[in-house]
Amino acid sequence: MQVVFHIGAHCTDEDRLLKSLLKNRDTLQQHGVIVPGPSHYRRLIRQTLKSLEGAKPAAGAEATLIKTITDADHLERLILSAEDFLTFAPRVFSNQTLYGNAMSRITGLVSLFPNANVEFHLAVRNPATFIPAVFARTKDIAFDDFMRGTSPDDVNWSTLVHTIRAAAPDAPLTVWCNEDTPMIWSALMRGLTGLAPTVAFDGETDLLAEIMTADGMQRYHAYLQTHPPKTQMQLGRIITAFLDKFAIDEALEDELDVPGWTQQTVDEMTKRYEQDLYEIERIPGVNFIAP
């Protein structure tokens, strides 16, 4: 059995990926791929990890946990998605590091399913937009307290990726940029489900429809009918071309309201993010999905 953890990050797809998969629940179930509703496992897993306090689960705990999450008779691949798997939003910078508790959380998640092949899937986002977005989720906390002494200049995703690989070296890790999601949505769905491109999915353009005009979407679908892409790269180029012409500008704008930040701050963080992505792509054991 395979267990797939989609671990966020915070403020990336906002559960849209999970909702797109749930649209295909019946089709997926025919292939042994189970996507439970989040109410079946999010609180359960959080409470289970808390009660264990780092200890290994008792014998038989895995079977009990699975039965509580799903009663499916045919189970080959279980998909669990929660942006809080690593921590809650106010604690993102615990230990003065981005997801500073990741090591213990990843090992804890793996320990829950000792007889399964575990995978992790992670979306990363430009810290220049990630930090303000996550901070906006918090309540009654000052920005400096939220950052916990972490300098924005030191925020990078490659450290987290290395931590995940160290905590679970046998678990494949798939990573992608949140900024690329409209171009790779169908690839993300297939990556999580493990199913071949020959299996038809509903919701493969869900995210695209949120950021492209109705006229643009109509023209996009018509174009694909006469010019079907042969590769993911070709599809990404087609989507990029249509977004250049038909994107809803408001849907692509990010609020960057952080005290003391200037455009130069944002530009420098963005440059470091691009360099960080280059490193992530080259980390052994990482499957990096790009347009």
C-alpha atoms as a PDB file:
ATOM      1  CA  MET A   1       0.000   0.000   0.000  1.00  0.00           C
ATOM      2  CA  GLN A   2       1.074   3.552  -0.711  1.00  0.00           C
ATOM      3  CA  VAL A   3       0.363   6.558   1.515  1.00  0.00           C
ATOM      4  CA  VAL A   4       0.741   9.999  -0.032  1.00  0.00           C
ATOM      5  CA  PHE A   5       1.073  13.067   2.185  1.00  0.00           C
ATOM      6  CA  HIS A   6       0.409  16.413   0.517  1.00  0.00           C
ATOM      7  CA  ILE A   7       1.963  18.665   3.161  1.00  0.00           C
ATOM      8  CA  GLY A   8       1.202  22.129   1.821  1.00  0.00           C
ATOM      9  CA  ALA A   9       2.915  24.469   2.150  1.00  0.00           C
ATOM     10  CA  HIS A  10       0.632  27.034   3.735  1.00  0.00           C
ATOM     11  CA  CYS A  11      -1.027  29.525   1.401  1.00  0.00           C
ATOM     12  CA  THR A  12      -0.327  27.602  -1.775  1.00  0.00           C
ATOM     13  CA  ASP A  13      -3.312  25.878  -3.384  1.00  0.00           C
ATOM     14  CA  GLU A  14      -5.709  26.462  -0.431  1.00  0.00           C
ATOM     15  CA  ASP A  15      -7.182  22.929  -0.671  1.00  0.00           C
ATOM     16  CA  ARG A  16      -8.034  23.393  -4.355  1.00  0.00           C
ATOM     17  CA  LEU A  17      -5.935  20.380  -5.314  1.00  0.00           C
ATOM     18  CA  LEU A  18      -7.750  18.217  -2.796  1.00  0.00           C
ATOM     19  CA  LYS A  19     -11.127  19.455  -4.050  1.00  0.00           C
ATOM     20  CA  SER A  20     -10.170  18.649  -7.632  1.00  0.00           C
ATOM     21  CA  LEU A  21      -9.225  15.125  -6.581  1.00  0.00           C
ATOM     22  CA  LEU A  22     -12.471  14.695  -4.655  1.00  0.00           C
ATOM     23  CA  LYS A  23     -14.373  15.424  -7.869  1.00  0.00           C
ATOM     24  CA  ASN A  24     -12.853  12.206  -9.192  1.00  0.00           C
ATOM     25  CA  ARG A  25     -13.424  10.117  -6.070  1.00  0.00           C
ATOM     26  CA  ASP A  26     -15.452   7.408  -7.835  1.00  0.00           C
ATOM     27  CA  THR A  27     -13.019   7.092 -10.745  1.00  0.00           C
ATOM     28  CA  LEU A  28     -10.038   6.981  -8.413  1.00  0.00           C
ATOM     29  CA  GLN A  29     -11.657   4.380  -6.189  1.00  0.00           C
ATOM     30  CA  GLN A  30     -11.984   2.054  -9.176  1.00  0.00           C
ATOM     31  CA  HIS A  31      -8.187   2.107  -9.343  1.00  0.00           C
ATOM     32  CA  GLY A  32      -7.723   1.609  -5.615  1.00  0.00           C
ATOM     33  CA  VAL A  33      -6.833   5.267  -5.040  1.00  0.00           C
ATOM     34  CA  ILE A  34      -8.693   6.597  -2.011  1.00  0.00           C
ATOM     35  CA  VAL A  35      -9.098  10.318  -1.281  1.00  0.00           C
ATOM     36  CA  PRO A  36     -10.946  10.671   2.042  1.00  0.00           C
ATOM     37  CA  GLY A  37     -12.610  13.899   3.051  1.00  0.00           C
ATOM     38  CA  PRO A  38     -10.331  15.933   5.352  1.00  0.00           C
ATOM     39  CA  SER A  39     -12.658  15.531   8.333  1.00  0.00           C
ATOM     40  CA  HIS A  40     -11.781  11.825   8.342  1.00  0.00           C
ATOM     41  CA  TYR A  41      -8.100  12.280   9.114  1.00  0.00           C
ATOM     42  CA  ARG A  42      -6.775  15.792   9.789  1.00  0.00           C
ATOM     43  CA  ARG A  43      -7.729  16.040  13.439  1.00  0.00           C
ATOM     44  CA  LEU A  44      -7.188  12.312  13.908  1.00  0.00           C
ATOM     45  CA  ILE A  45      -3.596  12.396  12.669  1.00  0.00           C
ATOM     46  CA  ARG A  46      -2.799  15.546  14.622  1.00  0.00           C
ATOM     47  CA  GLN A  47      -4.146  14.054  17.860  1.00  0.00           C
ATOM     48  CA  THR A  48      -2.435  10.723  17.234  1.00  0.00           C
ATOM     49  CA  LEU A  49       0.960  12.354  16.753  1.00  0.00           C
ATOM     50  CA  LYS A  50       0.441  14.484  19.845  1.00  0.00           C
ATOM     51  CA  SER A  51      -0.436  11.471  21.983  1.00  0.00           C
ATOM     52  CA  LEU A  52       2.613   9.534  20.783  1.00  0.00           C
ATOM     53  CA  GLU A  53       5.024  12.338  21.747  1.00  0.00           C
ATOM     54  CA  GLY A  54       7.664  10.950  19.402  1.00  0.00           C
ATOM     55  CA  ALA A  55       7.219   7.309  20.402  1.00  0.00           C
ATOM     56  CA  LYS A  56       6.495   4.572  17.878  1.00  0.00           C
ATOM     57  CA  PRO A  57       2.850   3.477  17.516  1.00  0.00           C
ATOM     58  CA  ALA A  58       1.859   0.174  19.057  1.00  0.00           C
ATOM     59  CA  ALA A  59       1.533  -2.956  16.960  1.00  0.00           C
ATOM     60  CA  GLY A  60      -1.743  -2.920  15.080  1.00  0.00           C
ATOM     61  CA  ALA A  61      -2.131   0.851  15.334  1.00  0.00           C
ATOM     62  CA  GLU A  62      -1.598   1.278  11.601  1.00  0.00           C
ATOM     63  CA  ALA A  63      -4.518  -0.998  10.694  1.00  0.00           C
ATOM     64  CA  THR A  64      -6.768   0.729  13.213  1.00  0.00           C
ATOM     65  CA  LEU A  65      -5.826   4.152  11.856  1.00  0.00           C
ATOM     66  CA  ILE A  66      -6.523   3.123   8.266  1.00  0.00           C
ATOM     67  CA  LYS A  67      -9.912   1.651   9.168  1.00  0.00           C
ATOM     68  CA  THR A  68     -10.816   4.879  10.940  1.00  0.00           C
ATOM     69  CA  ILE A  69      -9.836   6.949   7.906  1.00  0.00           C
ATOM     70  CA  THR A  70     -11.489   4.802   5.244  1.00  0.00           C
ATOM     71  CA  ASP A  71     -13.633   1.701   4.943  1.00  0.00           C
ATOM     72  CA  ALA A  72     -12.685   1.110   1.310  1.00  0.00           C
ATOM     73  CA  ASP A  73     -12.372  -2.555   0.379  1.00  0.00           C
ATOM     74  CA  HIS A  74      -9.866  -1.913  -2.394  1.00  0.00           C
ATOM     75  CA  LEU A  75      -7.043   0.277  -1.108  1.00  0.00           C
ATOM     76  CA  GLU A  76      -3.761   0.608  -2.952  1.00  0.00           C
ATOM     77  CA  ARG A  77      -3.001   4.304  -2.568  1.00  0.00           C
ATOM     78  CA  LEU A  78      -4.233   6.607   0.208  1.00  0.00           C
ATOM     79  CA  ILE A  79      -3.990  10.373  -0.351  1.00  0.00           C
ATOM     80  CA  LEU A  80      -3.930  12.627   2.715  1.00  0.00           C
ATOM     81  CA  SER A  81      -3.709  16.398   2.306  1.00  0.00           C
ATOM     82  CA  ALA A  82      -3.301  19.143   4.910  1.00  0.00           C
ATOM     83  CA  GLU A  83      -1.228  22.310   4.964  1.00  0.00           C
ATOM     84  CA  ASP A  84      -1.012  21.944   8.755  1.00  0.00           C
ATOM     85  CA  PHE A  85       0.717  18.553   8.668  1.00  0.00           C
ATOM     86  CA  LEU A  86       4.034  20.234   9.519  1.00  0.00           C
ATOM     87  CA  THR A  87       2.686  22.922  11.852  1.00  0.00           C
ATOM     88  CA  PHE A  88       0.036  25.616  12.229  1.00  0.00           C
ATOM     89  CA  ALA A  89       0.460  28.956  10.469  1.00  0.00           C
ATOM     90  CA  PRO A  90       1.568  30.961  13.552  1.00  0.00           C
ATOM     91  CA  ARG A  91       4.407  28.471  14.145  1.00  0.00           C
ATOM     92  CA  VAL A  92       5.816  28.370  10.628  1.00  0.00           C
ATOM     93  CA  PHE A  93       9.074  29.909  11.864  1.00  0.00           C
ATOM     94  CA  SER A  94       9.575  27.776  14.954  1.00  0.00           C
ATOM     95  CA  ASN A  95      13.235  27.471  15.940  1.00  0.00           C
ATOM     96  CA  GLN A  96      14.024  30.488  13.732  1.00  0.00           C
ATOM     97  CA  THR A  97      13.732  28.299  10.646  1.00  0.00           C
ATOM     98  CA  LEU A  98      11.071  27.802   7.993  1.00  0.00           C
ATOM     99  CA  TYR A  99       9.077  24.836   9.342  1.00  0.00           C
ATOM    100  CA  GLY A 100      11.637  24.326  12.066  1.00  0.00           C
ATOM    101  CA  ASN A 101       9.785  21.289  13.463  1.00  0.00           C
ATOM    102  CA  ALA A 102       9.748  19.473  10.119  1.00  0.00           C
ATOM    103  CA  MET A 103      12.170  16.721  11.129  1.00  0.00           C
ATOM    104  CA  SER A 104      10.017  15.439  13.993  1.00  0.00           C
ATOM    105  CA  ARG A 105       6.761  15.893  12.078  1.00  0.00           C
ATOM    106  CA  ILE A 106       7.964  14.013   9.008  1.00  0.00           C
ATOM    107  CA  THR A 107       9.346  11.114  11.043  1.00  0.00           C
ATOM    108  CA  GLY A 108       6.087  11.065  12.989  1.00  0.00           C
ATOM    109  CA  LEU A 109       3.960  10.880   9.848  1.00  0.00           C
ATOM    110  CA  VAL A 110       6.094   8.067   8.451  1.00  0.00           C
ATOM    111  CA  SER A 111       5.866   6.142  11.732  1.00  0.00           C
ATOM    112  CA  LEU A 112       2.071   6.035  11.486  1.00  0.00           C
ATOM    113  CA  PHE A 113       2.269   3.777   8.424  1.00  0.00           C
ATOM    114  CA  PRO A 114       5.261   1.452   8.973  1.00  0.00           C
ATOM    115  CA  ASN A 115       4.069  -1.104   6.417  1.00  0.00           C
ATOM    116  CA  ALA A 116       3.302   1.382   3.645  1.00  0.00           C
ATOM    117  CA  ASN A 117       5.374   3.057   0.982  1.00  0.00           C
ATOM    118  CA  VAL A 118       5.143   6.726   1.924  1.00  0.00           C
ATOM    119  CA  GLU A 119       5.452   9.720  -0.414  1.00  0.00           C
ATOM    120  CA  PHE A 120       5.515  13.452   0.268  1.00  0.00           C
ATOM    121  CA  HIS A 121       4.290  16.218  -2.034  1.00  0.00           C
ATOM    122  CA  LEU A 122       5.142  19.863  -1.354  1.00  0.00           C
ATOM    123  CA  ALA A 123       4.406  23.176  -3.046  1.00  0.00           C
ATOM    124  CA  VAL A 124       6.839  26.019  -2.401  1.00  0.00           C
ATOM    125  CA  ARG A 125       6.221  29.728  -2.858  1.00  0.00           C
ATOM    126  CA  ASN A 126       8.273  32.877  -3.221  1.00  0.00           C
ATOM    127  CA  PRO A 127       9.026  33.979   0.375  1.00  0.00           C
ATOM    128  CA  ALA A 128       8.286  37.553  -0.709  1.00  0.00           C
ATOM    129  CA  THR A 129       4.607  36.580  -1.055  1.00  0.00           C
ATOM    130  CA  PHE A 130       4.572  33.525   1.224  1.00  0.00           C
ATOM    131  CA  ILE A 131       5.532  35.407   4.388  1.00  0.00           C
ATOM    132  CA  PRO A 132       2.856  38.139   4.055  1.00  0.00           C
ATOM    133  CA  ALA A 133       0.200  35.561   3.109  1.00  0.00           C
ATOM    134  CA  VAL A 134       0.874  33.293   6.090  1.00  0.00           C
ATOM    135  CA  PHE A 135       1.168  36.253   8.466  1.00  0.00           C
ATOM    136  CA  ALA A 136      -2.266  37.418   7.297  1.00  0.00           C
ATOM    137  CA  ARG A 137      -3.635  34.072   8.546  1.00  0.00           C
ATOM    138  CA  THR A 138      -2.498  34.765  12.100  1.00  0.00           C
ATOM    139  CA  LYS A 139      -4.433  36.698  14.720  1.00  0.00           C
ATOM    140  CA  ASP A 140      -3.336  38.959  17.573  1.00  0.00           C
ATOM    141  CA  ILE A 141       0.361  38.564  16.854  1.00  0.00           C
ATOM    142  CA  ALA A 142       2.912  41.168  15.783  1.00  0.00           C
ATOM    143  CA  PHE A 143       4.981  40.548  12.664  1.00  0.00           C
ATOM    144  CA  ASP A 144       8.260  40.324  14.602  1.00  0.00           C
ATOM    145  CA  ASP A 145       6.716  37.758  16.952  1.00  0.00           C
ATOM    146  CA  PHE A 146       5.454  35.777  13.970  1.00  0.00           C
ATOM    147  CA  MET A 147       8.951  35.699  12.455  1.00  0.00           C
ATOM    148  CA  ARG A 148      10.448  34.583  15.818  1.00  0.00           C
ATOM    149  CA  GLY A 149      13.746  36.265  15.059  1.00  0.00           C
ATOM    150  CA  THR A 150      14.014  34.738  11.584  1.00  0.00           C
ATOM    151  CA  SER A 151      15.460  37.093   9.002  1.00  0.00           C
ATOM    152  CA  PRO A 152      13.538  37.129   5.702  1.00  0.00           C
ATOM    153  CA  ASP A 153      16.948  37.022   4.024  1.00  0.00           C
ATOM    154  CA  ASP A 154      17.519  33.562   5.510  1.00  0.00           C
ATOM    155  CA  VAL A 155      14.192  32.021   4.470  1.00  0.00           C
ATOM    156  CA  ASN A 156      14.729  29.292   1.894  1.00  0.00           C
ATOM    157  CA  TRP A 157      12.965  26.112   0.886  1.00  0.00           C
ATOM    158  CA  SER A 158      15.992  23.995   0.065  1.00  0.00           C
ATOM    159  CA  THR A 159      16.790  23.633   3.768  1.00  0.00           C
ATOM    160  CA  LEU A 160      13.298  22.238   4.352  1.00  0.00           C
ATOM    161  CA  VAL A 161      13.642  19.885   1.388  1.00  0.00           C
ATOM    162  CA  HIS A 162      16.965  18.597   2.721  1.00  0.00           C
ATOM    163  CA  THR A 163      15.316  18.094   6.128  1.00  0.00           C
ATOM    164  CA  ILE A 164      12.452  16.084   4.635  1.00  0.00           C
ATOM    165  CA  ARG A 165      14.871  13.915   2.688  1.00  0.00           C
ATOM    166  CA  ALA A 166      16.963  13.339   5.821  1.00  0.00           C
ATOM    167  CA  ALA A 167      13.910  12.502   7.928  1.00  0.00           C
ATOM    168  CA  ALA A 168      12.468  10.112   5.345  1.00  0.00           C
ATOM    169  CA  PRO A 169      15.235   9.054   2.933  1.00  0.00           C
ATOM    170  CA  ASP A 170      13.160   6.185   1.543  1.00  0.00           C
ATOM    171  CA  ALA A 171      10.134   8.365   0.814  1.00  0.00           C
ATOM    172  CA  PRO A 172       9.980   9.975  -2.640  1.00  0.00           C
ATOM    173  CA  LEU A 173       9.465  13.739  -2.491  1.00  0.00           C
ATOM    174  CA  THR A 174       7.698  15.733  -5.205  1.00  0.00           C
ATOM    175  CA  VAL A 175       8.137  19.514  -5.220  1.00  0.00           C
ATOM    176  CA  TRP A 176       6.699  22.276  -7.389  1.00  0.00           C
ATOM    177  CA  CYS A 177       6.383  26.067  -7.410  1.00  0.00           C
ATOM    178  CA  ASN A 178       3.064  27.520  -6.410  1.00  0.00           C
ATOM    179  CA  GLU A 179       3.626  30.150  -9.093  1.00  0.00           C
ATOM    180  CA  ASP A 180       3.572  27.382 -11.725  1.00  0.00           C
ATOM    181  CA  THR A 181       0.418  25.600 -10.585  1.00  0.00           C
ATOM    182  CA  PRO A 182      -1.917  26.878 -13.344  1.00  0.00           C
ATOM    183  CA  MET A 183       0.433  25.386 -15.940  1.00  0.00           C
ATOM    184  CA  ILE A 184       0.952  22.021 -14.204  1.00  0.00           C
ATOM    185  CA  TRP A 185      -2.390  21.369 -12.460  1.00  0.00           C
ATOM    186  CA  SER A 186      -3.146  18.149 -14.326  1.00  0.00           C
ATOM    187  CA  ALA A 187       0.414  16.912 -13.729  1.00  0.00           C
ATOM    188  CA  LEU A 188      -0.001  17.547 -10.000  1.00  0.00           C
ATOM    189  CA  MET A 189      -3.267  15.599  -9.932  1.00  0.00           C
ATOM    190  CA  ARG A 190      -1.665  12.669 -11.719  1.00  0.00           C
ATOM    191  CA  GLY A 191       1.421  12.829  -9.546  1.00  0.00           C
ATOM    192  CA  LEU A 192      -0.657  12.549  -6.395  1.00  0.00           C
ATOM    193  CA  THR A 193      -2.860   9.763  -7.738  1.00  0.00           C
ATOM    194  CA  GLY A 194      -0.116   7.851  -9.528  1.00  0.00           C
ATOM    195  CA  LEU A 195      -2.432   7.180 -12.467  1.00  0.00           C
ATOM    196  CA  ALA A 196      -1.527   7.210 -16.141  1.00  0.00           C
ATOM    197  CA  PRO A 197      -2.481  10.062 -18.507  1.00  0.00           C
ATOM    198  CA  THR A 198      -4.978   7.711 -20.155  1.00  0.00           C
ATOM    199  CA  VAL A 199      -7.275   8.029 -17.116  1.00  0.00           C
ATOM    200  CA  ALA A 200      -9.597  10.996 -17.664  1.00  0.00           C
ATOM    201  CA  PHE A 201      -9.997  13.472 -14.784  1.00  0.00           C
ATOM    202  CA  ASP A 202     -12.544  16.136 -14.010  1.00  0.00           C
ATOM    203  CA  GLY A 203     -11.180  19.407 -12.653  1.00  0.00           C
ATOM    204  CA  GLU A 204      -7.937  19.551 -14.637  1.00  0.00           C
ATOM    205  CA  THR A 205      -8.608  23.220 -15.420  1.00  0.00           C
ATOM    206  CA  ASP A 206     -10.138  24.214 -12.073  1.00  0.00           C
ATOM    207  CA  LEU A 207      -7.360  26.594 -11.089  1.00  0.00           C
ATOM    208  CA  LEU A 208      -6.956  27.984 -14.583  1.00  0.00           C
ATOM    209  CA  ALA A 209     -10.651  28.911 -14.652  1.00  0.00           C
ATOM    210  CA  GLU A 210     -10.132  31.071 -11.550  1.00  0.00           C
ATOM    211  CA  ILE A 211      -7.484  33.250 -13.158  1.00  0.00           C
ATOM    212  CA  MET A 212      -8.572  33.341 -16.811  1.00  0.00           C
ATOM    213  CA  THR A 213     -11.584  35.095 -18.331  1.00  0.00           C
ATOM    214  CA  ALA A 214     -14.549  33.020 -19.496  1.00  0.00           C
ATOM    215  CA  ASP A 215     -13.819  33.974 -23.095  1.00  0.00           C
ATOM    216  CA  GLY A 216     -10.216  32.926 -22.648  1.00  0.00           C
ATOM    217  CA  MET A 217     -11.217  29.548 -21.226  1.00  0.00           C
ATOM    218  CA  GLN A 218     -13.577  28.939 -24.126  1.00  0.00           C
ATOM    219  CA  ARG A 219     -10.855  29.759 -26.632  1.00  0.00           C
ATOM    220  CA  TYR A 220      -8.356  27.651 -24.672  1.00  0.00           C
ATOM    221  CA  HIS A 221     -10.548  24.533 -24.794  1.00  0.00           C
ATOM    222  CA  ALA A 222     -11.259  25.097 -28.479  1.00  0.00           C
ATOM    223  CA  TYR A 223      -7.544  25.404 -29.194  1.00  0.00           C
ATOM    224  CA  LEU A 224      -6.757  22.154 -27.381  1.00  0.00           C
ATOM    225  CA  GLN A 225      -9.348  20.354 -29.491  1.00  0.00           C
ATOM    226  CA  THR A 226      -7.473  21.242 -32.665  1.00  0.00           C
ATOM    227  CA  HIS A 227      -3.945  21.408 -31.227  1.00  0.00           C
ATOM    228  CA  PRO A 228      -3.667  18.724 -28.514  1.00  0.00           C
ATOM    229  CA  PRO A 229      -0.309  19.013 -26.705  1.00  0.00           C
ATOM    230  CA  LYS A 230       1.991  16.025 -26.844  1.00  0.00           C
ATOM    231  CA  THR A 231       3.949  16.833 -23.696  1.00  0.00           C
ATOM    232  CA  GLN A 232       3.513  18.641 -20.378  1.00  0.00           C
ATOM    233  CA  MET A 233       5.985  21.258 -21.605  1.00  0.00           C
ATOM    234  CA  GLN A 234       3.841  21.987 -24.654  1.00  0.00           C
ATOM    235  CA  LEU A 235       0.737  22.277 -22.485  1.00  0.00           C
ATOM    236  CA  GLY A 236       2.541  24.691 -20.176  1.00  0.00           C
ATOM    237  CA  ARG A 237       3.531  26.890 -23.102  1.00  0.00           C
ATOM    238  CA  ILE A 238      -0.049  26.942 -24.394  1.00  0.00           C
ATOM    239  CA  ILE A 239      -1.409  27.907 -20.977  1.00  0.00           C
ATOM    240  CA  THR A 240       1.221  30.622 -20.599  1.00  0.00           C
ATOM    241  CA  ALA A 241       0.279  32.078 -23.978  1.00  0.00           C
ATOM    242  CA  PHE A 242      -3.416  32.188 -23.085  1.00  0.00           C
ATOM    243  CA  LEU A 243      -2.726  33.690 -19.667  1.00  0.00           C
ATOM    244  CA  ASP A 244      -0.647  36.424 -21.277  1.00  0.00           C
ATOM    245  CA  LYS A 245      -3.743  37.452 -23.213  1.00  0.00           C
ATOM    246  CA  PHE A 246      -6.726  36.454 -21.069  1.00  0.00           C
ATOM    247  CA  ALA A 247      -5.570  36.463 -17.430  1.00  0.00           C
ATOM    248  CA  ILE A 248      -7.708  38.179 -14.805  1.00  0.00           C
ATOM    249  CA  ASP A 249      -5.175  40.666 -13.469  1.00  0.00           C
ATOM    250  CA  GLU A 250      -6.749  40.929 -10.013  1.00  0.00           C
ATOM    251  CA  ALA A 251      -6.488  37.163  -9.543  1.00  0.00           C
ATOM    252  CA  LEU A 252      -2.732  37.262 -10.117  1.00  0.00           C
ATOM    253  CA  GLU A 253      -1.923  40.100  -7.740  1.00  0.00           C
ATOM    254  CA  ASP A 254      -0.499  39.491  -4.260  1.00  0.00           C
ATOM    255  CA  GLU A 255      -0.780  41.790  -1.262  1.00  0.00           C
ATOM    256  CA  LEU A 256       2.685  42.616   0.088  1.00  0.00           C
ATOM    257  CA  ASP A 257       1.863  44.670   3.154  1.00  0.00           C
ATOM    258  CA  VAL A 258       4.863  44.109   5.427  1.00  0.00           C
ATOM    259  CA  PRO A 259       6.319  46.873   7.626  1.00  0.00           C
ATOM    260  CA  GLY A 260       9.694  48.044   6.371  1.00  0.00           C
ATOM    261  CA  TRP A 261       9.680  46.071   3.125  1.00  0.00           C
ATOM    262  CA  THR A 262      10.481  47.938  -0.086  1.00  0.00           C
ATOM    263  CA  GLN A 263      10.380  46.906  -3.730  1.00  0.00           C
ATOM    264  CA  GLN A 264      14.099  46.265  -3.461  1.00  0.00           C
ATOM    265  CA  THR A 265      13.430  43.885  -0.558  1.00  0.00           C
ATOM    266  CA  VAL A 266      10.923  41.960  -2.662  1.00  0.00           C
ATOM    267  CA  ASP A 267      13.211  41.872  -5.698  1.00  0.00           C
ATOM    268  CA  GLU A 268      16.144  40.551  -3.674  1.00  0.00           C
ATOM    269  CA  MET A 269      13.988  37.876  -2.018  1.00  0.00           C
ATOM    270  CA  THR A 270      12.645  36.838  -5.404  1.00  0.00           C
ATOM    271  CA  LYS A 271      16.160  36.504  -6.804  1.00  0.00           C
ATOM    272  CA  ARG A 272      17.202  34.312  -3.869  1.00  0.00           C
ATOM    273  CA  TYR A 273      14.057  32.223  -4.345  1.00  0.00           C
ATOM    274  CA  GLU A 274      14.949  31.567  -7.973  1.00  0.00           C
ATOM    275  CA  GLN A 275      18.453  30.508  -6.930  1.00  0.00           C
ATOM    276  CA  ASP A 276      16.956  28.294  -4.229  1.00  0.00           C
ATOM    277  CA  LEU A 277      14.741  26.545  -6.778  1.00  0.00           C
ATOM    278  CA  TYR A 278      17.830  25.752  -8.829  1.00  0.00           C
ATOM    279  CA  GLU A 279      19.306  23.961  -5.818  1.00  0.00           C
ATOM    280  CA  ILE A 280      16.079  22.095  -5.009  1.00  0.00           C
ATOM    281  CA  GLU A 281      15.873  20.683  -8.530  1.00  0.00           C
ATOM    282  CA  ARG A 282      19.248  19.046  -7.964  1.00  0.00           C
ATOM    283  CA  ILE A 283      18.640  17.469  -4.577  1.00  0.00           C
ATOM    284  CA  PRO A 284      18.769  13.654  -4.890  1.00  0.00           C
ATOM    285  CA  GLY A 285      15.414  11.960  -4.412  1.00  0.00           C
ATOM    286  CA  VAL A 286      13.389  15.023  -5.411  1.00  0.00           C
ATOM    287  CA  ASN A 287      10.940  14.923  -8.306  1.00  0.00           C
ATOM    288  CA  PHE A 288      10.591  18.563  -9.359  1.00  0.00           C
ATOM    289  CA  ILE A 289       7.515  19.285 -11.474  1.00  0.00           C
ATOM    290  CA  ALA A 290       7.836  22.294 -13.769  1.00  0.00           C
ATOM    291  CA  PRO A 291       5.968  23.513 -16.857  1.00  0.00           C
END
